Amino acid sequence: MSSDRKQTQLRLAPDVLAAGKDAAAARGLDFNKYVERLIAEDTTGARAAGMAAAQRLIDVHGDFLADLESDLDNRHAPAQQNRGAAA
């Protein structure tokens, strides 16, 4: 069975490796696929395009999102404070 994939080796600090493995797991990816995706996104411009789209969303809807977050925080804050006082 032949593959067009090449193998390489990385040397990472233990905390960087652990963070990468955690990030991969959180996305349902194995570590190799996660690193491959990061490189592809970085070299194709996909990451920059995603960040630009996120910034446009914040620019257009940022006030609404902030108000929504504040409203949700206010709705849940009393329940959290009461729970802590009862314990």
PDB file of N, CA and C in Angstrom:
ATOM      1  N   MET A   1       0.849  -1.176   0.000  1.00  0.00           N
ATOM      2  CA  MET A   1       0.000   0.000   0.000  1.00  0.00           C
ATOM      3  C   MET A   1       0.895   1.239   0.000  1.00  0.00           C
ATOM      4  N   SER A   2       0.758   2.093  -1.000  1.00  0.00           N
ATOM      5  CA  SER A   2       1.586   3.292  -1.041  1.00  0.00           C
ATOM      6  C   SER A   2       0.771   4.493  -0.597  1.00  0.00           C
ATOM      7  N   SER A   3       1.489   5.474  -0.080  1.00  0.00           N
ATOM      8  CA  SER A   3       0.831   6.674   0.410  1.00  0.00           C
ATOM      9  C   SER A   3       1.576   7.892  -0.110  1.00  0.00           C
ATOM     10  N   ASP A   4       0.843   8.947  -0.382  1.00  0.00           N
ATOM     11  CA  ASP A   4       1.490  10.181  -0.813  1.00  0.00           C
ATOM     12  C   ASP A   4       1.878  11.047   0.385  1.00  0.00           C
ATOM     13  N   ARG A   5       1.688  10.545   1.566  1.00  0.00           N
ATOM     14  CA  ARG A   5       2.008  11.294   2.780  1.00  0.00           C
ATOM     15  C   ARG A   5       3.471  11.081   3.157  1.00  0.00           C
ATOM     16  N   LYS A   6       4.066  12.102   3.737  1.00  0.00           N
ATOM     17  CA  LYS A   6       5.445  12.051   4.214  1.00  0.00           C
ATOM     18  C   LYS A   6       5.451  12.197   5.721  1.00  0.00           C
ATOM     19  N   GLN A   7       6.401  11.567   6.334  1.00  0.00           N
ATOM     20  CA  GLN A   7       6.524  11.630   7.785  1.00  0.00           C
ATOM     21  C   GLN A   7       7.577  12.658   8.162  1.00  0.00           C
ATOM     22  N   THR A   8       7.326  13.369   9.259  1.00  0.00           N
ATOM     23  CA  THR A   8       8.288  14.330   9.782  1.00  0.00           C
ATOM     24  C   THR A   8       8.295  14.224  11.293  1.00  0.00           C
ATOM     25  N   GLN A   9       9.227  14.874  11.911  1.00  0.00           N
ATOM     26  CA  GLN A   9       9.334  14.825  13.364  1.00  0.00           C
ATOM     27  C   GLN A   9       9.331  16.247  13.909  1.00  0.00           C
ATOM     28  N   LEU A  10       8.635  16.439  15.007  1.00  0.00           N
ATOM     29  CA  LEU A  10       8.581  17.738  15.682  1.00  0.00           C
ATOM     30  C   LEU A  10       9.132  17.589  17.082  1.00  0.00           C
ATOM     31  N   ARG A  11       9.758  18.620  17.560  1.00  0.00           N
ATOM     32  CA  ARG A  11      10.167  18.664  18.958  1.00  0.00           C
ATOM     33  C   ARG A  11       9.410  19.827  19.592  1.00  0.00           C
ATOM     34  N   LEU A  12       8.563  19.491  20.541  1.00  0.00           N
ATOM     35  CA  LEU A  12       7.712  20.489  21.191  1.00  0.00           C
ATOM     36  C   LEU A  12       7.937  20.444  22.691  1.00  0.00           C
ATOM     37  N   ALA A  13       7.806  21.595  23.325  1.00  0.00           N
ATOM     38  CA  ALA A  13       7.837  21.634  24.787  1.00  0.00           C
ATOM     39  C   ALA A  13       6.649  20.821  25.298  1.00  0.00           C
ATOM     40  N   PRO A  14       6.802  20.153  26.435  1.00  0.00           N
ATOM     41  CA  PRO A  14       5.719  19.307  26.949  1.00  0.00           C
ATOM     42  C   PRO A  14       4.382  20.023  27.082  1.00  0.00           C
ATOM     43  N   ASP A  15       4.394  21.275  27.532  1.00  0.00           N
ATOM     44  CA  ASP A  15       3.132  21.994  27.692  1.00  0.00           C
ATOM     45  C   ASP A  15       2.501  22.339  26.346  1.00  0.00           C
ATOM     46  N   VAL A  16       3.315  22.605  25.333  1.00  0.00           N
ATOM     47  CA  VAL A  16       2.797  22.891  24.000  1.00  0.00           C
ATOM     48  C   VAL A  16       2.192  21.621  23.399  1.00  0.00           C
ATOM     49  N   LEU A  17       2.867  20.496  23.566  1.00  0.00           N
ATOM     50  CA  LEU A  17       2.354  19.224  23.071  1.00  0.00           C
ATOM     51  C   LEU A  17       1.032  18.879  23.748  1.00  0.00           C
ATOM     52  N   ALA A  18       0.978  19.038  25.066  1.00  0.00           N
ATOM     53  CA  ALA A  18      -0.259  18.734  25.799  1.00  0.00           C
ATOM     54  C   ALA A  18      -1.396  19.635  25.333  1.00  0.00           C
ATOM     55  N   ALA A  19      -1.110  20.927  25.150  1.00  0.00           N
ATOM     56  CA  ALA A  19      -2.148  21.855  24.683  1.00  0.00           C
ATOM     57  C   ALA A  19      -2.617  21.476  23.282  1.00  0.00           C
ATOM     58  N   GLY A  20      -1.699  21.079  22.424  1.00  0.00           N
ATOM     59  CA  GLY A  20      -2.067  20.668  21.069  1.00  0.00           C
ATOM     60  C   GLY A  20      -2.924  19.411  21.071  1.00  0.00           C
ATOM     61  N   LYS A  21      -2.554  18.449  21.893  1.00  0.00           N
ATOM     62  CA  LYS A  21      -3.344  17.214  21.979  1.00  0.00           C
ATOM     63  C   LYS A  21      -4.732  17.491  22.547  1.00  0.00           C
ATOM     64  N   ASP A  22      -4.809  18.373  23.540  1.00  0.00           N
ATOM     65  CA  ASP A  22      -6.114  18.742  24.094  1.00  0.00           C
ATOM     66  C   ASP A  22      -6.975  19.444  23.045  1.00  0.00           C
ATOM     67  N   ALA A  23      -6.361  20.363  22.294  1.00  0.00           N
ATOM     68  CA  ALA A  23      -7.100  21.096  21.257  1.00  0.00           C
ATOM     69  C   ALA A  23      -7.576  20.138  20.166  1.00  0.00           C
ATOM     70  N   ALA A  24      -6.729  19.188  19.789  1.00  0.00           N
ATOM     71  CA  ALA A  24      -7.117  18.205  18.780  1.00  0.00           C
ATOM     72  C   ALA A  24      -8.293  17.368  19.272  1.00  0.00           C
ATOM     73  N   ALA A  25      -8.199  16.900  20.509  1.00  0.00           N
ATOM     74  CA  ALA A  25      -9.275  16.072  21.075  1.00  0.00           C
ATOM     75  C   ALA A  25     -10.580  16.854  21.149  1.00  0.00           C
ATOM     76  N   ALA A  26     -10.503  18.133  21.512  1.00  0.00           N
ATOM     77  CA  ALA A  26     -11.708  18.960  21.617  1.00  0.00           C
ATOM     78  C   ALA A  26     -12.391  19.111  20.262  1.00  0.00           C
ATOM     79  N   ARG A  27     -11.624  18.981  19.193  1.00  0.00           N
ATOM     80  CA  ARG A  27     -12.183  19.090  17.843  1.00  0.00           C
ATOM     81  C   ARG A  27     -12.481  17.728  17.225  1.00  0.00           C
ATOM     82  N   GLY A  28     -12.250  16.673  17.997  1.00  0.00           N
ATOM     83  CA  GLY A  28     -12.509  15.327  17.496  1.00  0.00           C
ATOM     84  C   GLY A  28     -11.486  14.861  16.470  1.00  0.00           C
ATOM     85  N   LEU A  29     -10.272  15.385  16.555  1.00  0.00           N
ATOM     86  CA  LEU A  29      -9.209  15.043  15.612  1.00  0.00           C
ATOM     87  C   LEU A  29      -8.066  14.350  16.332  1.00  0.00           C
ATOM     88  N   ASP A  30      -7.338  13.509  15.596  1.00  0.00           N
ATOM     89  CA  ASP A  30      -6.098  13.026  16.191  1.00  0.00           C
ATOM     90  C   ASP A  30      -5.058  14.139  16.020  1.00  0.00           C
ATOM     91  N   PHE A  31      -3.976  14.051  16.762  1.00  0.00           N
ATOM     92  CA  PHE A  31      -2.988  15.126  16.784  1.00  0.00           C
ATOM     93  C   PHE A  31      -2.397  15.385  15.402  1.00  0.00           C
ATOM     94  N   ASN A  32      -2.095  14.324  14.648  1.00  0.00           N
ATOM     95  CA  ASN A  32      -1.523  14.508  13.313  1.00  0.00           C
ATOM     96  C   ASN A  32      -2.465  15.294  12.408  1.00  0.00           C
ATOM     97  N   LYS A  33      -3.748  14.945  12.418  1.00  0.00           N
ATOM     98  CA  LYS A  33      -4.731  15.636  11.580  1.00  0.00           C
ATOM     99  C   LYS A  33      -4.861  17.096  12.018  1.00  0.00           C
ATOM    100  N   TYR A  34      -4.803  17.333  13.328  1.00  0.00           N
ATOM    101  CA  TYR A  34      -4.886  18.691  13.852  1.00  0.00           C
ATOM    102  C   TYR A  34      -3.716  19.542  13.333  1.00  0.00           C
ATOM    103  N   VAL A  35      -2.506  19.026  13.429  1.00  0.00           N
ATOM    104  CA  VAL A  35      -1.332  19.765  12.949  1.00  0.00           C
ATOM    105  C   VAL A  35      -1.433  19.988  11.444  1.00  0.00           C
ATOM    106  N   GLU A  36      -1.855  18.958  10.714  1.00  0.00           N
ATOM    107  CA  GLU A  36      -2.011  19.094   9.270  1.00  0.00           C
ATOM    108  C   GLU A  36      -3.020  20.193   8.933  1.00  0.00           C
ATOM    109  N   ARG A  37      -4.132  20.235   9.662  1.00  0.00           N
ATOM    110  CA  ARG A  37      -5.160  21.250   9.427  1.00  0.00           C
ATOM    111  C   ARG A  37      -4.631  22.646   9.748  1.00  0.00           C
ATOM    112  N   LEU A  38      -3.892  22.785  10.844  1.00  0.00           N
ATOM    113  CA  LEU A  38      -3.320  24.092  11.183  1.00  0.00           C
ATOM    114  C   LEU A  38      -2.408  24.602  10.075  1.00  0.00           C
ATOM    115  N   ILE A  39      -1.551  23.720   9.572  1.00  0.00           N
ATOM    116  CA  ILE A  39      -0.633  24.125   8.506  1.00  0.00           C
ATOM    117  C   ILE A  39      -1.407  24.487   7.245  1.00  0.00           C
ATOM    118  N   ALA A  40      -2.381  23.673   6.881  1.00  0.00           N
ATOM    119  CA  ALA A  40      -3.178  23.952   5.676  1.00  0.00           C
ATOM    120  C   ALA A  40      -3.920  25.276   5.807  1.00  0.00           C
ATOM    121  N   GLU A  41      -4.540  25.505   6.958  1.00  0.00           N
ATOM    122  CA  GLU A  41      -5.280  26.758   7.150  1.00  0.00           C
ATOM    123  C   GLU A  41      -4.352  27.963   7.092  1.00  0.00           C
ATOM    124  N   ASP A  42      -3.169  27.825   7.661  1.00  0.00           N
ATOM    125  CA  ASP A  42      -2.226  28.932   7.698  1.00  0.00           C
ATOM    126  C   ASP A  42      -1.653  29.235   6.313  1.00  0.00           C
ATOM    127  N   THR A  43      -1.371  28.207   5.541  1.00  0.00           N
ATOM    128  CA  THR A  43      -0.707  28.412   4.256  1.00  0.00           C
ATOM    129  C   THR A  43      -1.661  28.676   3.100  1.00  0.00           C
ATOM    130  N   THR A  44      -2.942  28.410   3.265  1.00  0.00           N
ATOM    131  CA  THR A  44      -3.900  28.663   2.185  1.00  0.00           C
ATOM    132  C   THR A  44      -4.669  29.963   2.358  1.00  0.00           C
ATOM    133  N   GLY A  45      -4.512  30.600   3.487  1.00  0.00           N
ATOM    134  CA  GLY A  45      -5.250  31.821   3.751  1.00  0.00           C
ATOM    135  C   GLY A  45      -6.601  31.586   4.398  1.00  0.00           C
ATOM    136  N   ALA A  46      -6.956  30.327   4.634  1.00  0.00           N
ATOM    137  CA  ALA A  46      -8.260  30.020   5.234  1.00  0.00           C
ATOM    138  C   ALA A  46      -8.366  30.610   6.643  1.00  0.00           C
ATOM    139  N   ARG A  47      -7.293  30.548   7.397  1.00  0.00           N
ATOM    140  CA  ARG A  47      -7.324  31.087   8.755  1.00  0.00           C
ATOM    141  C   ARG A  47      -7.548  32.599   8.720  1.00  0.00           C
ATOM    142  N   ALA A  48      -6.839  33.282   7.856  1.00  0.00           N
ATOM    143  CA  ALA A  48      -7.001  34.736   7.748  1.00  0.00           C
ATOM    144  C   ALA A  48      -8.415  35.093   7.298  1.00  0.00           C
ATOM    145  N   ALA A  49      -8.950  34.330   6.364  1.00  0.00           N
ATOM    146  CA  ALA A  49     -10.310  34.592   5.892  1.00  0.00           C
ATOM    147  C   ALA A  49     -11.319  34.384   7.019  1.00  0.00           C
ATOM    148  N   GLY A  50     -11.119  33.342   7.819  1.00  0.00           N
ATOM    149  CA  GLY A  50     -12.007  33.086   8.954  1.00  0.00           C
ATOM    150  C   GLY A  50     -11.934  34.189   9.990  1.00  0.00           C
ATOM    151  N   MET A  51     -10.727  34.652  10.268  1.00  0.00           N
ATOM    152  CA  MET A  51     -10.562  35.730  11.243  1.00  0.00           C
ATOM    153  C   MET A  51     -11.194  37.030  10.723  1.00  0.00           C
ATOM    154  N   ALA A  52     -11.052  37.293   9.446  1.00  0.00           N
ATOM    155  CA  ALA A  52     -11.664  38.495   8.862  1.00  0.00           C
ATOM    156  C   ALA A  52     -13.189  38.410   8.933  1.00  0.00           C
ATOM    157  N   ALA A  53     -13.736  37.222   8.673  1.00  0.00           N
ATOM    158  CA  ALA A  53     -15.185  37.044   8.756  1.00  0.00           C
ATOM    159  C   ALA A  53     -15.670  37.232  10.189  1.00  0.00           C
ATOM    160  N   ALA A  54     -14.918  36.711  11.155  1.00  0.00           N
ATOM    161  CA  ALA A  54     -15.285  36.876  12.561  1.00  0.00           C
ATOM    162  C   ALA A  54     -15.250  38.354  12.948  1.00  0.00           C
ATOM    163  N   GLN A  55     -14.252  39.077  12.466  1.00  0.00           N
ATOM    164  CA  GLN A  55     -14.161  40.502  12.783  1.00  0.00           C
ATOM    165  C   GLN A  55     -15.326  41.274  12.178  1.00  0.00           C
ATOM    166  N   ARG A  56     -15.725  40.924  10.957  1.00  0.00           N
ATOM    167  CA  ARG A  56     -16.892  41.586  10.338  1.00  0.00           C
ATOM    168  C   ARG A  56     -18.149  41.320  11.156  1.00  0.00           C
ATOM    169  N   LEU A  57     -18.306  40.089  11.658  1.00  0.00           N
ATOM    170  CA  LEU A  57     -19.455  39.746  12.491  1.00  0.00           C
ATOM    171  C   LEU A  57     -19.469  40.605  13.758  1.00  0.00           C
ATOM    172  N   ILE A  58     -18.317  40.745  14.383  1.00  0.00           N
ATOM    173  CA  ILE A  58     -18.226  41.565  15.594  1.00  0.00           C
ATOM    174  C   ILE A  58     -18.497  43.027  15.266  1.00  0.00           C
ATOM    175  N   ASP A  59     -17.933  43.507  14.155  1.00  0.00           N
ATOM    176  CA  ASP A  59     -18.145  44.904  13.773  1.00  0.00           C
ATOM    177  C   ASP A  59     -19.628  45.210  13.543  1.00  0.00           C
ATOM    178  N   VAL A  60     -20.338  44.292  12.915  1.00  0.00           N
ATOM    179  CA  VAL A  60     -21.740  44.519  12.563  1.00  0.00           C
ATOM    180  C   VAL A  60     -22.668  44.232  13.740  1.00  0.00           C
ATOM    181  N   HIS A  61     -22.399  43.165  14.483  1.00  0.00           N
ATOM    182  CA  HIS A  61     -23.331  42.697  15.510  1.00  0.00           C
ATOM    183  C   HIS A  61     -22.752  42.728  16.926  1.00  0.00           C
ATOM    184  N   GLY A  62     -21.613  43.366  17.106  1.00  0.00           N
ATOM    185  CA  GLY A  62     -20.938  43.349  18.399  1.00  0.00           C
ATOM    186  C   GLY A  62     -21.782  43.883  19.541  1.00  0.00           C
ATOM    187  N   ASP A  63     -22.481  44.991  19.323  1.00  0.00           N
ATOM    188  CA  ASP A  63     -23.312  45.562  20.386  1.00  0.00           C
ATOM    189  C   ASP A  63     -24.433  44.606  20.775  1.00  0.00           C
ATOM    190  N   PHE A  64     -25.074  43.996  19.782  1.00  0.00           N
ATOM    191  CA  PHE A  64     -26.133  43.031  20.055  1.00  0.00           C
ATOM    192  C   PHE A  64     -25.597  41.851  20.848  1.00  0.00           C
ATOM    193  N   LEU A  65     -24.451  41.324  20.431  1.00  0.00           N
ATOM    194  CA  LEU A  65     -23.870  40.175  21.126  1.00  0.00           C
ATOM    195  C   LEU A  65     -23.481  40.528  22.554  1.00  0.00           C
ATOM    196  N   ALA A  66     -22.940  41.705  22.769  1.00  0.00           N
ATOM    197  CA  ALA A  66     -22.579  42.138  24.119  1.00  0.00           C
ATOM    198  C   ALA A  66     -23.817  42.276  24.993  1.00  0.00           C
ATOM    199  N   ASP A  67     -24.883  42.861  24.428  1.00  0.00           N
ATOM    200  CA  ASP A  67     -26.133  42.985  25.174  1.00  0.00           C
ATOM    201  C   ASP A  67     -26.715  41.619  25.507  1.00  0.00           C
ATOM    202  N   LEU A  68     -26.674  40.704  24.561  1.00  0.00           N
ATOM    203  CA  LEU A  68     -27.181  39.353  24.777  1.00  0.00           C
ATOM    204  C   LEU A  68     -26.387  38.646  25.875  1.00  0.00           C
ATOM    205  N   GLU A  69     -25.079  38.767  25.819  1.00  0.00           N
ATOM    206  CA  GLU A  69     -24.235  38.145  26.844  1.00  0.00           C
ATOM    207  C   GLU A  69     -24.521  38.733  28.220  1.00  0.00           C
ATOM    208  N   SER A  70     -24.661  40.030  28.287  1.00  0.00           N
ATOM    209  CA  SER A  70     -24.978  40.694  29.547  1.00  0.00           C
ATOM    210  C   SER A  70     -26.323  40.233  30.093  1.00  0.00           C
ATOM    211  N   ASP A  71     -27.318  40.155  29.217  1.00  0.00           N
ATOM    212  CA  ASP A  71     -28.644  39.694  29.619  1.00  0.00           C
ATOM    213  C   ASP A  71     -28.588  38.269  30.161  1.00  0.00           C
ATOM    214  N   LEU A  72     -27.875  37.399  29.478  1.00  0.00           N
ATOM    215  CA  LEU A  72     -27.747  36.014  29.945  1.00  0.00           C
ATOM    216  C   LEU A  72     -27.006  35.946  31.278  1.00  0.00           C
ATOM    217  N   ASP A  73     -25.957  36.749  31.425  1.00  0.00           N
ATOM    218  CA  ASP A  73     -25.221  36.788  32.695  1.00  0.00           C
ATOM    219  C   ASP A  73     -26.134  37.236  33.830  1.00  0.00           C
ATOM    220  N   ASN A  74     -26.936  38.272  33.577  1.00  0.00           N
ATOM    221  CA  ASN A  74     -27.831  38.797  34.611  1.00  0.00           C
ATOM    222  C   ASN A  74     -28.918  37.798  34.989  1.00  0.00           C
ATOM    223  N   ARG A  75     -29.396  37.045  34.015  1.00  0.00           N
ATOM    224  CA  ARG A  75     -30.435  36.048  34.305  1.00  0.00           C
ATOM    225  C   ARG A  75     -29.914  34.916  35.173  1.00  0.00           C
ATOM    226  N   HIS A  76     -28.677  34.553  35.001  1.00  0.00           N
ATOM    227  CA  HIS A  76     -28.128  33.393  35.700  1.00  0.00           C
ATOM    228  C   HIS A  76     -27.345  33.767  36.952  1.00  0.00           C
ATOM    229  N   ALA A  77     -26.998  35.007  37.129  1.00  0.00           N
ATOM    230  CA  ALA A  77     -26.200  35.416  38.285  1.00  0.00           C
ATOM    231  C   ALA A  77     -26.915  35.170  39.607  1.00  0.00           C
ATOM    232  N   PRO A  78     -28.205  35.545  39.781  1.00  0.00           N
ATOM    233  CA  PRO A  78     -28.854  35.313  41.073  1.00  0.00           C
ATOM    234  C   PRO A  78     -28.913  33.839  41.455  1.00  0.00           C
ATOM    235  N   ALA A  79     -29.156  32.969  40.504  1.00  0.00           N
ATOM    236  CA  ALA A  79     -29.242  31.534  40.812  1.00  0.00           C
ATOM    237  C   ALA A  79     -27.887  31.024  41.279  1.00  0.00           C
ATOM    238  N   GLN A  80     -26.826  31.497  40.708  1.00  0.00           N
ATOM    239  CA  GLN A  80     -25.495  31.064  41.108  1.00  0.00           C
ATOM    240  C   GLN A  80     -25.150  31.583  42.495  1.00  0.00           C
ATOM    241  N   GLN A  81     -25.525  32.821  42.809  1.00  0.00           N
ATOM    242  CA  GLN A  81     -25.246  33.387  44.125  1.00  0.00           C
ATOM    243  C   GLN A  81     -26.056  32.658  45.202  1.00  0.00           C
ATOM    244  N   ASN A  82     -27.326  32.367  44.946  1.00  0.00           N
ATOM    245  CA  ASN A  82     -28.156  31.664  45.917  1.00  0.00           C
ATOM    246  C   ASN A  82     -27.644  30.263  46.175  1.00  0.00           C
ATOM    247  N   ARG A  83     -27.175  29.590  45.136  1.00  0.00           N
ATOM    248  CA  ARG A  83     -26.649  28.246  45.286  1.00  0.00           C
ATOM    249  C   ARG A  83     -25.431  28.253  46.198  1.00  0.00           C
ATOM    250  N   GLY A  84     -24.565  29.249  46.027  1.00  0.00           N
ATOM    251  CA  GLY A  84     -23.361  29.345  46.859  1.00  0.00           C
ATOM    252  C   GLY A  84     -23.705  29.667  48.302  1.00  0.00           C
ATOM    253  N   ALA A  85     -24.729  30.453  48.543  1.00  0.00           N
ATOM    254  CA  ALA A  85     -25.111  30.824  49.910  1.00  0.00           C
ATOM    255  C   ALA A  85     -25.745  29.652  50.635  1.00  0.00           C
ATOM    256  N   ALA A  86     -26.439  28.768  49.915  1.00  0.00           N
ATOM    257  CA  ALA A  86     -27.125  27.652  50.548  1.00  0.00           C
ATOM    258  C   ALA A  86     -26.144  26.549  50.944  1.00  0.00           C
ATOM    259  N   ALA A  87     -24.987  26.525  50.345  1.00  0.00           N
ATOM    260  CA  ALA A  87     -24.022  25.449  50.603  1.00  0.00           C
ATOM    261  C   ALA A  87     -23.279  25.605  51.863  1.00  0.00           C
TER     262      ALA A  87
END
